[in-house]
Full PDB file with SEQRES, HELIX, SHEET, SSBOND, CRYST1, ORIGX, SCALE, CONECT and MASTER records, all heavy atoms in Angstrom:
SEQRES   1 A   40  SER GLY THR HIS ALA THR CYS GLY SER TYR PHE ASN THR          
SEQRES   2 A   40  GLY THR LYS GLU PHE SER GLY VAL PRO TYR SER ASN LEU          
SEQRES   3 A   40  ASP PHE ASN ASP ALA LYS CYS SER THR SER ASN GLY GLU          
SEQRES   4 A   40  ILE                                                          
HELIX    1 AA1 ASN A   25  ASP A   27  5                                   3    
HELIX    2 AA2 ASP A   30  LYS A   32  5                                   3    
SHEET    1 AA1 2 PHE A  11  ASN A  12  0                                        
SHEET    2 AA1 2 GLU A  17  PHE A  18 -1                                        
CRYST1    1.000    1.000    1.000  90.00  90.00  90.00 P 1           1          
ORIGX1      1.000000  0.000000  0.000000        0.00000                         
ORIGX2      0.000000  1.000000  0.000000        0.00000                         
ORIGX3      0.000000  0.000000  1.000000        0.00000                         
SCALE1      1.000000  0.000000  0.000000        0.00000                         
SCALE2      0.000000  1.000000  0.000000        0.00000                         
SCALE3      0.000000  0.000000  1.000000        0.00000                         
ATOM      1  N   SER A   1    -101.609 102.921  63.991  1.00  0.00           N  
ATOM      2  CA  SER A   1    -101.667 102.319  62.659  1.00  0.00           C  
ATOM      3  C   SER A   1    -103.112 102.088  62.278  1.00  0.00           C  
ATOM      4  O   SER A   1    -104.020 102.093  63.124  1.00  0.00           O  
ATOM      5  CB  SER A   1    -100.900 100.986  62.645  1.00  0.00           C  
ATOM      6  OG  SER A   1    -101.528 100.062  63.522  1.00  0.00           O  
ATOM      7  N   GLY A   2    -103.324 101.895  60.970  1.00  0.00           N  
ATOM      8  CA  GLY A   2    -104.675 101.646  60.504  1.00  0.00           C  
ATOM      9  C   GLY A   2    -104.979 102.459  59.265  1.00  0.00           C  
ATOM     10  O   GLY A   2    -104.080 102.913  58.552  1.00  0.00           O  
ATOM     11  N   THR A   3    -106.269 102.661  59.026  1.00  0.00           N  
ATOM     12  CA  THR A   3    -106.726 103.419  57.853  1.00  0.00           C  
ATOM     13  C   THR A   3    -107.580 104.609  58.266  1.00  0.00           C  
ATOM     14  O   THR A   3    -108.391 105.100  57.472  1.00  0.00           O  
ATOM     15  CB  THR A   3    -107.516 102.509  56.905  1.00  0.00           C  
ATOM     16  OG1 THR A   3    -108.611 101.939  57.632  1.00  0.00           O  
ATOM     17  CG2 THR A   3    -106.636 101.410  56.337  1.00  0.00           C  
ATOM     18  N   HIS A   4    -107.400 105.082  59.520  1.00  0.00           N  
ATOM     19  CA  HIS A   4    -108.171 106.239  59.977  1.00  0.00           C  
ATOM     20  C   HIS A   4    -107.556 107.519  59.428  1.00  0.00           C  
ATOM     21  O   HIS A   4    -106.962 108.330  60.133  1.00  0.00           O  
ATOM     22  CB  HIS A   4    -108.277 106.279  61.520  1.00  0.00           C  
ATOM     23  CG  HIS A   4    -106.984 106.134  62.258  1.00  0.00           C  
ATOM     24  ND1 HIS A   4    -106.266 104.953  62.310  1.00  0.00           N  
ATOM     25  CD2 HIS A   4    -106.264 107.021  62.982  1.00  0.00           C  
ATOM     26  CE1 HIS A   4    -105.179 105.121  63.028  1.00  0.00           C  
ATOM     27  NE2 HIS A   4    -105.150 106.374  63.449  1.00  0.00           N  
ATOM     28  N   ALA A   5    -107.714 107.663  58.098  1.00  0.00           N  
ATOM     29  CA  ALA A   5    -107.198 108.800  57.359  1.00  0.00           C  
ATOM     30  C   ALA A   5    -108.259 109.235  56.352  1.00  0.00           C  
ATOM     31  O   ALA A   5    -109.183 108.484  56.045  1.00  0.00           O  
ATOM     32  CB  ALA A   5    -105.896 108.423  56.652  1.00  0.00           C  
ATOM     33  N   THR A   6    -108.109 110.456  55.838  1.00  0.00           N  
ATOM     34  CA  THR A   6    -109.204 111.052  55.069  1.00  0.00           C  
ATOM     35  C   THR A   6    -109.435 110.410  53.707  1.00  0.00           C  
ATOM     36  O   THR A   6    -110.485 110.625  53.105  1.00  0.00           O  
ATOM     37  CB  THR A   6    -108.977 112.572  54.887  1.00  0.00           C  
ATOM     38  OG1 THR A   6    -107.643 112.797  54.410  1.00  0.00           O  
ATOM     39  CG2 THR A   6    -109.161 113.306  56.210  1.00  0.00           C  
ATOM     40  N   CYS A   7    -108.456 109.624  53.195  1.00  0.00           N  
ATOM     41  CA  CYS A   7    -108.688 108.843  51.973  1.00  0.00           C  
ATOM     42  C   CYS A   7    -108.728 107.344  52.264  1.00  0.00           C  
ATOM     43  O   CYS A   7    -108.908 106.545  51.348  1.00  0.00           O  
ATOM     44  CB  CYS A   7    -107.586 109.073  50.943  1.00  0.00           C  
ATOM     45  SG  CYS A   7    -107.349 110.774  50.434  1.00  0.00           S  
ATOM     46  N   GLY A   8    -108.496 106.960  53.543  1.00  0.00           N  
ATOM     47  CA  GLY A   8    -108.500 105.545  53.893  1.00  0.00           C  
ATOM     48  C   GLY A   8    -107.202 104.814  53.634  1.00  0.00           C  
ATOM     49  O   GLY A   8    -107.163 103.584  53.666  1.00  0.00           O  
ATOM     50  N   SER A   9    -106.104 105.538  53.385  1.00  0.00           N  
ATOM     51  CA  SER A   9    -104.817 104.875  53.147  1.00  0.00           C  
ATOM     52  C   SER A   9    -104.293 104.258  54.437  1.00  0.00           C  
ATOM     53  O   SER A   9    -104.469 104.808  55.532  1.00  0.00           O  
ATOM     54  CB  SER A   9    -103.793 105.882  52.627  1.00  0.00           C  
ATOM     55  OG  SER A   9    -104.173 106.391  51.379  1.00  0.00           O  
ATOM     56  N   TYR A  10    -103.597 103.127  54.299  1.00  0.00           N  
ATOM     57  CA  TYR A  10    -103.001 102.454  55.459  1.00  0.00           C  
ATOM     58  C   TYR A  10    -101.705 103.159  55.862  1.00  0.00           C  
ATOM     59  O   TYR A  10    -100.917 103.593  55.022  1.00  0.00           O  
ATOM     60  CB  TYR A  10    -102.689 100.998  55.139  1.00  0.00           C  
ATOM     61  CG  TYR A  10    -101.989 100.308  56.285  1.00  0.00           C  
ATOM     62  CD1 TYR A  10    -102.683  99.879  57.428  1.00  0.00           C  
ATOM     63  CD2 TYR A  10    -100.590 100.129  56.263  1.00  0.00           C  
ATOM     64  CE1 TYR A  10    -102.026  99.275  58.505  1.00  0.00           C  
ATOM     65  CE2 TYR A  10     -99.936  99.537  57.334  1.00  0.00           C  
ATOM     66  CZ  TYR A  10    -100.647  99.116  58.433  1.00  0.00           C  
ATOM     67  OH  TYR A  10     -99.990  98.542  59.507  1.00  0.00           O  
ATOM     68  N   PHE A  11    -101.504 103.281  57.175  1.00  0.00           N  
ATOM     69  CA  PHE A  11    -100.235 103.798  57.677  1.00  0.00           C  
ATOM     70  C   PHE A  11     -99.935 103.147  59.024  1.00  0.00           C  
ATOM     71  O   PHE A  11    -100.834 102.628  59.691  1.00  0.00           O  
ATOM     72  CB  PHE A  11    -100.264 105.321  57.841  1.00  0.00           C  
ATOM     73  CG  PHE A  11    -101.238 105.818  58.884  1.00  0.00           C  
ATOM     74  CD1 PHE A  11    -100.812 106.092  60.177  1.00  0.00           C  
ATOM     75  CD2 PHE A  11    -102.576 105.992  58.575  1.00  0.00           C  
ATOM     76  CE1 PHE A  11    -101.703 106.537  61.142  1.00  0.00           C  
ATOM     77  CE2 PHE A  11    -103.477 106.439  59.524  1.00  0.00           C  
ATOM     78  CZ  PHE A  11    -103.043 106.713  60.815  1.00  0.00           C  
ATOM     79  N   ASN A  12     -98.656 103.149  59.383  1.00  0.00           N  
ATOM     80  CA  ASN A  12     -98.216 102.594  60.656  1.00  0.00           C  
ATOM     81  C   ASN A  12     -97.064 103.464  61.144  1.00  0.00           C  
ATOM     82  O   ASN A  12     -95.971 103.430  60.576  1.00  0.00           O  
ATOM     83  CB  ASN A  12     -97.752 101.139  60.499  1.00  0.00           C  
ATOM     84  CG  ASN A  12     -97.399 100.486  61.823  1.00  0.00           C  
ATOM     85  OD1 ASN A  12     -96.857 101.125  62.724  1.00  0.00           O  
ATOM     86  ND2 ASN A  12     -97.708  99.194  61.949  1.00  0.00           N  
ATOM     87  N   THR A  13     -97.333 104.274  62.182  1.00  0.00           N  
ATOM     88  CA  THR A  13     -96.287 105.209  62.632  1.00  0.00           C  
ATOM     89  C   THR A  13     -95.186 104.478  63.386  1.00  0.00           C  
ATOM     90  O   THR A  13     -94.074 105.017  63.490  1.00  0.00           O  
ATOM     91  CB  THR A  13     -96.888 106.306  63.509  1.00  0.00           C  
ATOM     92  OG1 THR A  13     -97.501 105.730  64.668  1.00  0.00           O  
ATOM     93  CG2 THR A  13     -97.950 107.103  62.738  1.00  0.00           C  
ATOM     94  N   GLY A  14     -95.470 103.280  63.922  1.00  0.00           N  
ATOM     95  CA  GLY A  14     -94.446 102.513  64.601  1.00  0.00           C  
ATOM     96  C   GLY A  14     -93.359 102.014  63.666  1.00  0.00           C  
ATOM     97  O   GLY A  14     -92.167 102.104  63.941  1.00  0.00           O  
ATOM     98  N   THR A  15     -93.807 101.503  62.509  1.00  0.00           N  
ATOM     99  CA  THR A  15     -92.844 100.993  61.513  1.00  0.00           C  
ATOM    100  C   THR A  15     -92.533 102.058  60.446  1.00  0.00           C  
ATOM    101  O   THR A  15     -91.726 101.798  59.535  1.00  0.00           O  
ATOM    102  CB  THR A  15     -93.414  99.764  60.807  1.00  0.00           C  
ATOM    103  OG1 THR A  15     -94.638 100.106  60.155  1.00  0.00           O  
ATOM    104  CG2 THR A  15     -93.686  98.645  61.826  1.00  0.00           C  
ATOM    105  N   LYS A  16     -93.181 103.216  60.563  1.00  0.00           N  
ATOM    106  CA  LYS A  16     -93.010 104.319  59.614  1.00  0.00           C  
ATOM    107  C   LYS A  16     -93.376 103.897  58.185  1.00  0.00           C  
ATOM    108  O   LYS A  16     -92.661 104.214  57.219  1.00  0.00           O  
ATOM    109  CB  LYS A  16     -91.584 104.898  59.675  1.00  0.00           C  
ATOM    110  CG  LYS A  16     -91.160 105.339  61.067  1.00  0.00           C  
ATOM    111  CD  LYS A  16     -89.809 105.996  61.043  1.00  0.00           C  
ATOM    112  CE  LYS A  16     -89.288 106.254  62.456  1.00  0.00           C  
ATOM    113  NZ  LYS A  16     -88.956 104.999  63.159  1.00  0.00           N  
ATOM    114  N   GLU A  17     -94.485 103.217  58.087  1.00  0.00           N  
ATOM    115  CA  GLU A  17     -94.995 102.793  56.780  1.00  0.00           C  
ATOM    116  C   GLU A  17     -96.182 103.666  56.395  1.00  0.00           C  
ATOM    117  O   GLU A  17     -97.142 103.777  57.139  1.00  0.00           O  
ATOM    118  CB  GLU A  17     -95.416 101.322  56.857  1.00  0.00           C  
ATOM    119  CG  GLU A  17     -95.993 100.830  55.538  1.00  0.00           C  
ATOM    120  CD  GLU A  17     -96.540  99.402  55.637  1.00  0.00           C  
ATOM    121  OE1 GLU A  17     -96.364  98.768  56.685  1.00  0.00           O  
ATOM    122  OE2 GLU A  17     -97.153  98.956  54.655  1.00  0.00           O  
ATOM    123  N   PHE A  18     -96.083 104.271  55.224  1.00  0.00           N  
ATOM    124  CA  PHE A  18     -97.166 105.086  54.692  1.00  0.00           C  
ATOM    125  C   PHE A  18     -97.427 104.594  53.261  1.00  0.00           C  
ATOM    126  O   PHE A  18     -96.780 105.047  52.304  1.00  0.00           O  
ATOM    127  CB  PHE A  18     -96.787 106.575  54.712  1.00  0.00           C  
ATOM    128  CG  PHE A  18     -96.685 107.130  56.107  1.00  0.00           C  
ATOM    129  CD1 PHE A  18     -95.494 107.052  56.812  1.00  0.00           C  
ATOM    130  CD2 PHE A  18     -97.785 107.719  56.706  1.00  0.00           C  
ATOM    131  CE1 PHE A  18     -95.388 107.556  58.114  1.00  0.00           C  
ATOM    132  CE2 PHE A  18     -97.695 108.210  58.009  1.00  0.00           C  
ATOM    133  CZ  PHE A  18     -96.515 108.128  58.719  1.00  0.00           C  
ATOM    134  N   SER A  19     -98.351 103.659  53.151  1.00  0.00           N  
ATOM    135  CA  SER A  19     -98.526 102.950  51.865  1.00  0.00           C  
ATOM    136  C   SER A  19     -99.062 103.841  50.775  1.00  0.00           C  
ATOM    137  O   SER A  19     -98.870 103.563  49.588  1.00  0.00           O  
ATOM    138  CB  SER A  19     -99.486 101.765  52.069  1.00  0.00           C  
ATOM    139  OG  SER A  19    -100.766 102.221  52.462  1.00  0.00           O  
ATOM    140  N   GLY A  20     -99.732 104.946  51.145  1.00  0.00           N  
ATOM    141  CA  GLY A  20    -100.307 105.833  50.140  1.00  0.00           C  
ATOM    142  C   GLY A  20     -99.301 106.643  49.383  1.00  0.00           C  
ATOM    143  O   GLY A  20     -99.622 107.257  48.353  1.00  0.00           O  
ATOM    144  N   VAL A  21     -98.010 106.687  49.851  1.00  0.00           N  
ATOM    145  CA  VAL A  21     -97.006 107.487  49.136  1.00  0.00           C  
ATOM    146  C   VAL A  21     -96.244 106.651  48.099  1.00  0.00           C  
ATOM    147  O   VAL A  21     -96.261 107.063  46.921  1.00  0.00           O  
ATOM    148  CB  VAL A  21     -96.073 108.196  50.153  1.00  0.00           C  
ATOM    149  CG1 VAL A  21     -95.029 109.040  49.393  1.00  0.00           C  
ATOM    150  CG2 VAL A  21     -96.870 109.076  51.119  1.00  0.00           C  
ATOM    151  N   PRO A  22     -95.518 105.562  48.405  1.00  0.00           N  
ATOM    152  CA  PRO A  22     -95.264 105.042  49.743  1.00  0.00           C  
ATOM    153  C   PRO A  22     -93.936 105.567  50.347  1.00  0.00           C  
ATOM    154  O   PRO A  22     -93.007 105.885  49.619  1.00  0.00           O  
ATOM    155  CB  PRO A  22     -95.141 103.549  49.461  1.00  0.00           C  
ATOM    156  CG  PRO A  22     -94.539 103.466  48.088  1.00  0.00           C  
ATOM    157  CD  PRO A  22     -95.055 104.658  47.335  1.00  0.00           C  
ATOM    158  N   TYR A  23     -93.953 105.644  51.695  1.00  0.00           N  
ATOM    159  CA  TYR A  23     -92.728 105.864  52.475  1.00  0.00           C  
ATOM    160  C   TYR A  23     -92.534 104.660  53.406  1.00  0.00           C  
ATOM    161  O   TYR A  23     -93.497 103.998  53.799  1.00  0.00           O  
ATOM    162  CB  TYR A  23     -92.843 107.108  53.344  1.00  0.00           C  
ATOM    163  CG  TYR A  23     -92.727 108.429  52.621  1.00  0.00           C  
ATOM    164  CD1 TYR A  23     -93.550 109.500  52.979  1.00  0.00           C  
ATOM    165  CD2 TYR A  23     -91.778 108.650  51.631  1.00  0.00           C  
ATOM    166  CE1 TYR A  23     -93.461 110.744  52.343  1.00  0.00           C  
ATOM    167  CE2 TYR A  23     -91.664 109.888  50.997  1.00  0.00           C  
ATOM    168  CZ  TYR A  23     -92.511 110.918  51.359  1.00  0.00           C  
ATOM    169  OH  TYR A  23     -92.404 112.141  50.716  1.00  0.00           O  
ATOM    170  N   SER A  24     -91.240 104.412  53.740  1.00  0.00           N  
ATOM    171  CA  SER A  24     -90.885 103.364  54.705  1.00  0.00           C  
ATOM    172  C   SER A  24     -89.953 103.962  55.750  1.00  0.00           C  
ATOM    173  O   SER A  24     -89.648 105.154  55.725  1.00  0.00           O  
ATOM    174  CB  SER A  24     -90.196 102.198  53.981  1.00  0.00           C  
ATOM    175  OG  SER A  24     -88.870 102.604  53.571  1.00  0.00           O  
ATOM    176  N   ASN A  25     -89.475 103.115  56.650  1.00  0.00           N  
ATOM    177  CA  ASN A  25     -88.575 103.593  57.704  1.00  0.00           C  
ATOM    178  C   ASN A  25     -87.271 104.144  57.147  1.00  0.00           C  
ATOM    179  O   ASN A  25     -86.533 104.821  57.848  1.00  0.00           O  
ATOM    180  CB  ASN A  25     -88.291 102.495  58.730  1.00  0.00           C  
ATOM    181  CG  ASN A  25     -87.514 101.341  58.107  1.00  0.00           C  
ATOM    182  OD1 ASN A  25     -87.618 101.054  56.909  1.00  0.00           O  
ATOM    183  ND2 ASN A  25     -86.739 100.647  58.931  1.00  0.00           N  
ATOM    184  N   LEU A  26     -86.989 103.892  55.862  1.00  0.00           N  
ATOM    185  CA  LEU A  26     -85.773 104.410  55.243  1.00  0.00           C  
ATOM    186  C   LEU A  26     -85.879 105.882  54.914  1.00  0.00           C  
ATOM    187  O   LEU A  26     -84.875 106.530  54.593  1.00  0.00           O  
ATOM    188  CB  LEU A  26     -85.469 103.630  53.949  1.00  0.00           C  
ATOM    189  CG  LEU A  26     -85.262 102.124  54.077  1.00  0.00           C  
ATOM    190  CD1 LEU A  26     -85.100 101.511  52.693  1.00  0.00           C  
ATOM    191  CD2 LEU A  26     -84.046 101.831  54.946  1.00  0.00           C  
ATOM    192  N   ASP A  27     -87.067 106.440  54.993  1.00  0.00           N  
ATOM    193  CA  ASP A  27     -87.315 107.784  54.486  1.00  0.00           C  
ATOM    194  C   ASP A  27     -87.443 108.842  55.571  1.00  0.00           C  
ATOM    195  O   ASP A  27     -87.894 109.970  55.312  1.00  0.00           O  
ATOM    196  CB  ASP A  27     -88.588 107.764  53.632  1.00  0.00           C  
ATOM    197  CG  ASP A  27     -88.467 106.810  52.459  1.00  0.00           C  
ATOM    198  OD1 ASP A  27     -87.396 106.832  51.813  1.00  0.00           O  
ATOM    199  OD2 ASP A  27     -89.401 106.027  52.225  1.00  0.00           O  
ATOM    200  N   PHE A  28     -87.013 108.509  56.800  1.00  0.00           N  
ATOM    201  CA  PHE A  28     -87.161 109.435  57.926  1.00  0.00           C  
ATOM    202  C   PHE A  28     -85.816 109.705  58.590  1.00  0.00           C  
ATOM    203  O   PHE A  28     -84.851 108.985  58.398  1.00  0.00           O  
ATOM    204  CB  PHE A  28     -88.195 108.889  58.917  1.00  0.00           C  
ATOM    205  CG  PHE A  28     -89.578 108.854  58.348  1.00  0.00           C  
ATOM    206  CD1 PHE A  28     -90.025 107.741  57.621  1.00  0.00           C  
ATOM    207  CD2 PHE A  28     -90.436 109.937  58.473  1.00  0.00           C  
ATOM    208  CE1 PHE A  28     -91.290 107.716  57.056  1.00  0.00           C  
ATOM    209  CE2 PHE A  28     -91.706 109.921  57.904  1.00  0.00           C  
ATOM    210  CZ  PHE A  28     -92.140 108.820  57.198  1.00  0.00           C  
ATOM    211  N   ASN A  29     -85.799 110.746  59.431  1.00  0.00           N  
ATOM    212  CA  ASN A  29     -84.543 111.323  59.931  1.00  0.00           C  
ATOM    213  C   ASN A  29     -84.077 110.788  61.271  1.00  0.00           C  
ATOM    214  O   ASN A  29     -83.112 111.306  61.809  1.00  0.00           O  
ATOM    215  CB  ASN A  29     -84.712 112.844  60.078  1.00  0.00           C  
ATOM    216  CG  ASN A  29     -84.127 113.608  58.910  1.00  0.00           C  
ATOM    217  OD1 ASN A  29     -83.292 113.100  58.185  1.00  0.00           O  
ATOM    218  ND2 ASN A  29     -84.585 114.830  58.724  1.00  0.00           N  
ATOM    219  N   ASP A  30     -84.735 109.787  61.824  1.00  0.00           N  
ATOM    220  CA  ASP A  30     -84.424 109.395  63.204  1.00  0.00           C  
ATOM    221  C   ASP A  30     -82.936 109.120  63.429  1.00  0.00           C  
ATOM    222  O   ASP A  30     -82.384 109.471  64.470  1.00  0.00           O  
ATOM    223  CB  ASP A  30     -85.246 108.145  63.597  1.00  0.00           C  
ATOM    224  CG  ASP A  30     -86.713 108.495  63.799  1.00  0.00           C  
ATOM    225  OD1 ASP A  30     -87.049 109.679  63.665  1.00  0.00           O  
ATOM    226  OD2 ASP A  30     -87.507 107.592  64.084  1.00  0.00           O  
ATOM    227  N   ALA A  31     -82.269 108.535  62.455  1.00  0.00           N  
ATOM    228  CA  ALA A  31     -80.841 108.214  62.630  1.00  0.00           C  
ATOM    229  C   ALA A  31     -79.984 109.467  62.712  1.00  0.00           C  
ATOM    230  O   ALA A  31     -78.883 109.432  63.275  1.00  0.00           O  
ATOM    231  CB  ALA A  31     -80.369 107.322  61.482  1.00  0.00           C  
ATOM    232  N   LYS A  32     -80.469 110.588  62.171  1.00  0.00           N  
ATOM    233  CA  LYS A  32     -79.687 111.832  62.184  1.00  0.00           C  
ATOM    234  C   LYS A  32     -79.938 112.669  63.428  1.00  0.00           C  
ATOM    235  O   LYS A  32     -79.196 113.599  63.692  1.00  0.00           O  
ATOM    236  CB  LYS A  32     -80.050 112.666  60.948  1.00  0.00           C  
ATOM    237  CG  LYS A  32     -79.500 112.106  59.648  1.00  0.00           C  
ATOM    238  CD  LYS A  32     -80.071 112.892  58.462  1.00  0.00           C  
ATOM    239  CE  LYS A  32     -79.580 114.318  58.455  1.00  0.00           C  
ATOM    240  NZ  LYS A  32     -80.156 115.069  57.303  1.00  0.00           N  
ATOM    241  N   CYS A  33     -81.006 112.331  64.162  1.00  0.00           N  
ATOM    242  CA  CYS A  33     -81.336 113.128  65.362  1.00  0.00           C  
ATOM    243  C   CYS A  33     -80.499 112.655  66.545  1.00  0.00           C  
ATOM    244  O   CYS A  33     -80.438 111.462  66.834  1.00  0.00           O  
ATOM    245  CB  CYS A  33     -82.825 113.017  65.666  1.00  0.00           C  
ATOM    246  SG  CYS A  33     -83.290 113.878  67.173  1.00  0.00           S  
ATOM    247  N   SER A  34     -79.913 113.606  67.253  1.00  0.00           N  
ATOM    248  CA  SER A  34     -78.984 113.260  68.336  1.00  0.00           C  
ATOM    249  C   SER A  34     -79.618 113.249  69.725  1.00  0.00           C  
ATOM    250  O   SER A  34     -78.928 112.973  70.713  1.00  0.00           O  
ATOM    251  CB  SER A  34     -77.810 114.244  68.329  1.00  0.00           C  
ATOM    252  OG  SER A  34     -78.311 115.581  68.528  1.00  0.00           O  
ATOM    253  N   THR A  35     -80.933 113.562  69.810  1.00  0.00           N  
ATOM    254  CA  THR A  35     -81.539 113.640  71.154  1.00  0.00           C  
ATOM    255  C   THR A  35     -81.971 112.253  71.645  1.00  0.00           C  
ATOM    256  O   THR A  35     -82.143 111.323  70.850  1.00  0.00           O  
ATOM    257  CB  THR A  35     -82.744 114.596  71.159  1.00  0.00           C  
ATOM    258  OG1 THR A  35     -83.759 114.065  70.318  1.00  0.00           O  
ATOM    259  CG2 THR A  35     -82.349 115.976  70.669  1.00  0.00           C  
ATOM    260  N   SER A  36     -82.189 112.139  72.957  1.00  0.00           N  
ATOM    261  CA  SER A  36     -82.485 110.848  73.569  1.00  0.00           C  
ATOM    262  C   SER A  36     -83.828 110.274  73.123  1.00  0.00           C  
ATOM    263  O   SER A  36     -84.000 109.058  73.058  1.00  0.00           O  
ATOM    264  CB  SER A  36     -82.469 110.980  75.096  1.00  0.00           C  
ATOM    265  OG  SER A  36     -83.405 111.991  75.507  1.00  0.00           O  
ATOM    266  N   ASN A  37     -84.795 111.134  72.816  1.00  0.00           N  
ATOM    267  CA  ASN A  37     -86.129 110.653  72.462  1.00  0.00           C  
ATOM    268  C   ASN A  37     -86.527 110.965  71.030  1.00  0.00           C  
ATOM    269  O   ASN A  37     -87.694 110.737  70.643  1.00  0.00           O  
ATOM    270  CB  ASN A  37     -87.174 111.216  73.428  1.00  0.00           C  
ATOM    271  CG  ASN A  37     -87.251 112.763  73.377  1.00  0.00           C  
ATOM    272  OD1 ASN A  37     -86.460 113.388  72.666  1.00  0.00           O  
ATOM    273  ND2 ASN A  37     -88.169 113.329  74.128  1.00  0.00           N  
ATOM    274  N   GLY A  38     -85.591 111.499  70.216  1.00  0.00           N  
ATOM    275  CA  GLY A  38     -85.915 111.806  68.827  1.00  0.00           C  
ATOM    276  C   GLY A  38     -86.652 113.114  68.633  1.00  0.00           C  
ATOM    277  O   GLY A  38     -86.985 113.475  67.505  1.00  0.00           O  
ATOM    278  N   GLU A  39     -86.906 113.831  69.730  1.00  0.00           N  
ATOM    279  CA  GLU A  39     -87.640 115.099  69.680  1.00  0.00           C  
ATOM    280  C   GLU A  39     -86.673 116.281  69.711  1.00  0.00           C  
ATOM    281  O   GLU A  39     -85.548 116.160  70.215  1.00  0.00           O  
ATOM    282  CB  GLU A  39     -88.590 115.217  70.889  1.00  0.00           C  
ATOM    283  CG  GLU A  39     -89.661 114.139  70.960  1.00  0.00           C  
ATOM    284  CD  GLU A  39     -90.809 114.397  70.023  1.00  0.00           C  
ATOM    285  OE1 GLU A  39     -91.202 115.578  69.844  1.00  0.00           O  
ATOM    286  OE2 GLU A  39     -91.323 113.419  69.450  1.00  0.00           O  
ATOM    287  N   ILE A  40     -87.138 117.435  69.220  1.00  0.00           N  
ATOM    288  CA  ILE A  40     -86.380 118.659  69.426  1.00  0.00           C  
ATOM    289  C   ILE A  40     -86.407 119.000  70.902  1.00  0.00           C  
ATOM    290  O   ILE A  40     -87.481 119.152  71.493  1.00  0.00           O  
ATOM    291  CB  ILE A  40     -86.990 119.830  68.612  1.00  0.00           C  
ATOM    292  CG1 ILE A  40     -87.021 119.506  67.126  1.00  0.00           C  
ATOM    293  CG2 ILE A  40     -86.216 121.114  68.876  1.00  0.00           C  
ATOM    294  CD1 ILE A  40     -87.823 120.495  66.297  1.00  0.00           C  
TER     295      ILE A  40                                                      
MASTER        0    0    0    2    2    0    0    6  294    1    0    4          
END                                                                             
């Protein structure tokens, strides 16, 4: 998390927050993925 991005926007991959869009944890597919770790 932080602002180490090319425009300085805040993001947090743990909470899936991308303030520059914005996106939240509601906007990702984790609940649809059936694997143990969320990876292909």
